[in-house]
């Protein structure tokens, strides 16, 4: 299982911390920041995802689909 920690830093604070890194560590940080660019959903995408989730709940209640257990979900994370 992979743990994720999201921390909000100002650009100034991030620059201060980056100055303390070795050149090799700086390269790793740059690669990580470029790779981990967070995508944001538009309002329309969020509404669509909520609708999809509600449709899944409806189908589950009707017995048309089976949902994963928490244990199955966590095994995929």
N, C-alpha and C. Protein backbone atom coordinates (compact mmCIF):
# COMPACT_ATOMS: atom_id res chain seq x y z
N UNK A 1 0.85 -1.17 0.00
CA UNK A 1 0.00 0.00 0.00
C UNK A 1 0.90 1.24 0.00
N UNK A 2 0.55 2.21 -0.81
CA UNK A 2 1.34 3.44 -0.92
C UNK A 2 0.68 4.54 -0.11
N UNK A 3 1.45 5.20 0.72
CA UNK A 3 0.93 6.31 1.52
C UNK A 3 1.16 7.61 0.77
N UNK A 4 0.22 8.51 0.87
CA UNK A 4 0.33 9.80 0.21
C UNK A 4 0.14 10.89 1.24
N UNK A 5 1.00 11.89 1.15
CA UNK A 5 0.91 13.04 2.04
C UNK A 5 0.87 14.27 1.17
N UNK A 6 -0.19 15.04 1.30
CA UNK A 6 -0.29 16.28 0.54
C UNK A 6 -0.02 17.44 1.47
N UNK A 7 0.95 18.25 1.09
CA UNK A 7 1.34 19.41 1.89
C UNK A 7 1.34 20.62 0.99
N UNK A 8 0.79 21.69 1.46
CA UNK A 8 0.79 22.93 0.69
C UNK A 8 1.95 23.79 1.17
N UNK A 9 2.84 24.12 0.23
CA UNK A 9 3.97 24.98 0.53
C UNK A 9 3.92 26.17 -0.40
N UNK A 10 4.37 27.30 0.10
CA UNK A 10 4.51 28.45 -0.79
C UNK A 10 5.72 28.19 -1.68
N UNK A 11 5.77 28.84 -2.80
CA UNK A 11 6.90 28.70 -3.71
C UNK A 11 8.18 29.12 -3.00
N UNK A 12 8.09 30.17 -2.22
CA UNK A 12 9.26 30.66 -1.48
C UNK A 12 9.78 29.59 -0.51
N UNK A 13 8.89 28.96 0.25
CA UNK A 13 9.29 27.94 1.21
C UNK A 13 9.86 26.72 0.49
N UNK A 14 9.25 26.33 -0.61
CA UNK A 14 9.75 25.20 -1.39
C UNK A 14 11.15 25.50 -1.91
N UNK A 15 11.38 26.73 -2.38
CA UNK A 15 12.69 27.13 -2.88
C UNK A 15 13.73 27.07 -1.75
N UNK A 16 13.35 27.52 -0.56
CA UNK A 16 14.26 27.47 0.59
C UNK A 16 14.65 26.03 0.91
N UNK A 17 13.68 25.15 0.89
CA UNK A 17 13.95 23.75 1.17
C UNK A 17 14.80 23.12 0.07
N UNK A 18 14.52 23.47 -1.18
CA UNK A 18 15.25 22.90 -2.31
C UNK A 18 16.72 23.32 -2.29
N UNK A 19 17.02 24.51 -1.81
CA UNK A 19 18.41 24.99 -1.74
C UNK A 19 19.25 24.11 -0.81
N UNK A 20 18.62 23.43 0.11
CA UNK A 20 19.34 22.60 1.06
C UNK A 20 19.65 21.20 0.52
N UNK A 21 19.11 20.87 -0.64
CA UNK A 21 19.29 19.55 -1.22
C UNK A 21 20.59 19.45 -2.02
N UNK A 22 21.09 18.23 -2.10
CA UNK A 22 22.26 17.99 -2.96
C UNK A 22 21.79 18.06 -4.41
N UNK A 23 22.71 18.23 -5.36
CA UNK A 23 22.31 18.27 -6.78
C UNK A 23 21.52 17.03 -7.21
N UNK A 24 21.91 15.87 -6.71
CA UNK A 24 21.20 14.63 -7.05
C UNK A 24 19.77 14.67 -6.50
N UNK A 25 19.62 15.12 -5.25
CA UNK A 25 18.29 15.22 -4.64
C UNK A 25 17.43 16.25 -5.35
N UNK A 26 18.06 17.35 -5.79
CA UNK A 26 17.33 18.38 -6.54
C UNK A 26 16.77 17.81 -7.83
N UNK A 27 17.57 17.00 -8.52
CA UNK A 27 17.11 16.37 -9.76
C UNK A 27 15.92 15.45 -9.49
N UNK A 28 16.00 14.70 -8.41
CA UNK A 28 14.89 13.82 -8.04
C UNK A 28 13.63 14.62 -7.74
N UNK A 29 13.80 15.73 -7.02
CA UNK A 29 12.66 16.58 -6.68
C UNK A 29 12.02 17.15 -7.93
N UNK A 30 12.83 17.64 -8.85
CA UNK A 30 12.30 18.19 -10.10
C UNK A 30 11.51 17.14 -10.86
N UNK A 31 12.08 15.94 -10.97
CA UNK A 31 11.39 14.86 -11.67
C UNK A 31 10.07 14.52 -10.99
N UNK A 32 10.09 14.47 -9.67
CA UNK A 32 8.88 14.15 -8.91
C UNK A 32 7.81 15.21 -9.10
N UNK A 33 8.21 16.48 -9.03
CA UNK A 33 7.24 17.56 -9.20
C UNK A 33 6.63 17.56 -10.60
N UNK A 34 7.42 17.28 -11.59
CA UNK A 34 6.91 17.24 -12.95
C UNK A 34 5.97 16.05 -13.14
N UNK A 35 6.30 14.94 -12.53
CA UNK A 35 5.51 13.71 -12.66
C UNK A 35 4.20 13.79 -11.91
N UNK A 36 4.22 14.40 -10.75
CA UNK A 36 3.06 14.40 -9.86
C UNK A 36 2.15 15.61 -10.05
N UNK A 37 2.18 16.21 -11.21
CA UNK A 37 1.33 17.37 -11.44
C UNK A 37 -0.13 16.95 -11.25
N UNK A 38 -0.81 17.59 -10.34
CA UNK A 38 -2.17 17.22 -9.99
C UNK A 38 -3.15 17.79 -11.02
N UNK A 39 -4.05 16.92 -11.44
CA UNK A 39 -5.08 17.37 -12.37
C UNK A 39 -6.32 17.75 -11.56
N UNK A 40 -6.98 18.80 -12.00
CA UNK A 40 -8.20 19.23 -11.33
C UNK A 40 -9.39 18.96 -12.23
N UNK A 41 -10.48 18.57 -11.60
CA UNK A 41 -11.70 18.31 -12.33
C UNK A 41 -12.45 19.62 -12.55
N UNK A 42 -13.10 19.69 -13.69
CA UNK A 42 -13.99 20.82 -13.92
C UNK A 42 -15.29 20.55 -13.16
N UNK A 43 -16.11 21.55 -13.03
CA UNK A 43 -17.40 21.39 -12.37
C UNK A 43 -18.22 20.33 -13.10
N UNK A 44 -18.19 20.37 -14.43
CA UNK A 44 -18.96 19.41 -15.22
C UNK A 44 -18.47 17.98 -15.00
N UNK A 45 -17.13 17.79 -14.90
CA UNK A 45 -16.59 16.46 -14.65
C UNK A 45 -16.99 15.96 -13.27
N UNK A 46 -16.96 16.85 -12.29
CA UNK A 46 -17.35 16.47 -10.93
C UNK A 46 -18.81 16.06 -10.88
N UNK A 47 -19.67 16.84 -11.52
CA UNK A 47 -21.10 16.52 -11.55
C UNK A 47 -21.31 15.16 -12.23
N UNK A 48 -20.59 14.91 -13.31
CA UNK A 48 -20.72 13.64 -14.03
C UNK A 48 -20.28 12.47 -13.16
N UNK A 49 -19.18 12.64 -12.42
CA UNK A 49 -18.70 11.56 -11.54
C UNK A 49 -19.71 11.28 -10.43
N UNK A 50 -20.34 12.33 -9.90
CA UNK A 50 -21.35 12.14 -8.86
C UNK A 50 -22.55 11.40 -9.43
N UNK A 51 -22.97 11.77 -10.64
CA UNK A 51 -24.10 11.08 -11.28
C UNK A 51 -23.78 9.60 -11.49
N UNK A 52 -22.56 9.31 -11.94
CA UNK A 52 -22.15 7.92 -12.14
C UNK A 52 -22.20 7.15 -10.82
N UNK A 53 -21.74 7.77 -9.76
CA UNK A 53 -21.76 7.12 -8.45
C UNK A 53 -23.17 6.85 -7.97
N UNK A 54 -24.06 7.81 -8.17
CA UNK A 54 -25.45 7.63 -7.77
C UNK A 54 -26.12 6.53 -8.60
N UNK A 55 -25.76 6.45 -9.87
CA UNK A 55 -26.30 5.39 -10.73
C UNK A 55 -25.83 4.03 -10.24
N UNK A 56 -24.57 3.93 -9.81
CA UNK A 56 -24.06 2.67 -9.26
C UNK A 56 -24.82 2.29 -7.99
N UNK A 57 -25.11 3.25 -7.12
CA UNK A 57 -25.87 2.98 -5.90
C UNK A 57 -27.25 2.45 -6.27
N UNK A 58 -27.88 3.07 -7.25
CA UNK A 58 -29.21 2.64 -7.70
C UNK A 58 -29.17 1.20 -8.22
N UNK A 59 -28.17 0.90 -9.06
CA UNK A 59 -28.05 -0.45 -9.61
C UNK A 59 -27.77 -1.47 -8.51
N UNK A 60 -26.97 -1.08 -7.50
CA UNK A 60 -26.69 -1.97 -6.39
C UNK A 60 -27.96 -2.27 -5.60
N UNK A 61 -28.73 -1.23 -5.33
CA UNK A 61 -29.98 -1.42 -4.57
C UNK A 61 -30.97 -2.29 -5.32
N UNK A 62 -30.93 -2.22 -6.65
CA UNK A 62 -31.81 -3.05 -7.48
C UNK A 62 -31.27 -4.46 -7.64
N UNK A 63 -30.06 -4.73 -7.10
CA UNK A 63 -29.46 -6.05 -7.20
C UNK A 63 -28.85 -6.35 -8.56
N UNK A 64 -28.62 -5.33 -9.35
CA UNK A 64 -28.09 -5.53 -10.70
C UNK A 64 -26.57 -5.57 -10.75
N UNK A 65 -25.92 -5.03 -9.73
CA UNK A 65 -24.46 -5.09 -9.66
C UNK A 65 -24.04 -5.41 -8.23
N UNK A 66 -22.83 -5.92 -8.10
CA UNK A 66 -22.26 -6.19 -6.78
C UNK A 66 -21.07 -5.26 -6.60
N UNK A 67 -21.00 -4.61 -5.45
CA UNK A 67 -19.91 -3.69 -5.17
C UNK A 67 -18.77 -4.42 -4.48
N UNK A 68 -17.56 -3.86 -4.61
CA UNK A 68 -16.39 -4.44 -3.95
C UNK A 68 -16.46 -4.19 -2.45
N UNK A 69 -15.91 -5.10 -1.71
CA UNK A 69 -15.82 -4.90 -0.26
C UNK A 69 -14.69 -3.91 0.02
N UNK A 70 -14.63 -3.40 1.24
CA UNK A 70 -13.57 -2.50 1.63
C UNK A 70 -12.22 -3.20 1.52
N UNK A 71 -12.19 -4.46 1.89
CA UNK A 71 -10.95 -5.23 1.81
C UNK A 71 -10.46 -5.32 0.36
N UNK A 72 -11.37 -5.57 -0.58
CA UNK A 72 -11.01 -5.64 -2.00
C UNK A 72 -10.52 -4.27 -2.49
N UNK A 73 -11.21 -3.22 -2.07
CA UNK A 73 -10.83 -1.87 -2.49
C UNK A 73 -9.43 -1.53 -1.99
N UNK A 74 -9.17 -1.79 -0.72
CA UNK A 74 -7.87 -1.47 -0.13
C UNK A 74 -6.74 -2.29 -0.74
N UNK A 75 -7.06 -3.49 -1.20
CA UNK A 75 -6.03 -4.33 -1.82
C UNK A 75 -5.57 -3.71 -3.15
N UNK A 76 -6.41 -2.92 -3.79
CA UNK A 76 -6.06 -2.29 -5.05
C UNK A 76 -5.32 -0.97 -4.88
N UNK A 77 -5.36 -0.41 -3.68
CA UNK A 77 -4.76 0.90 -3.45
C UNK A 77 -3.27 0.80 -3.30
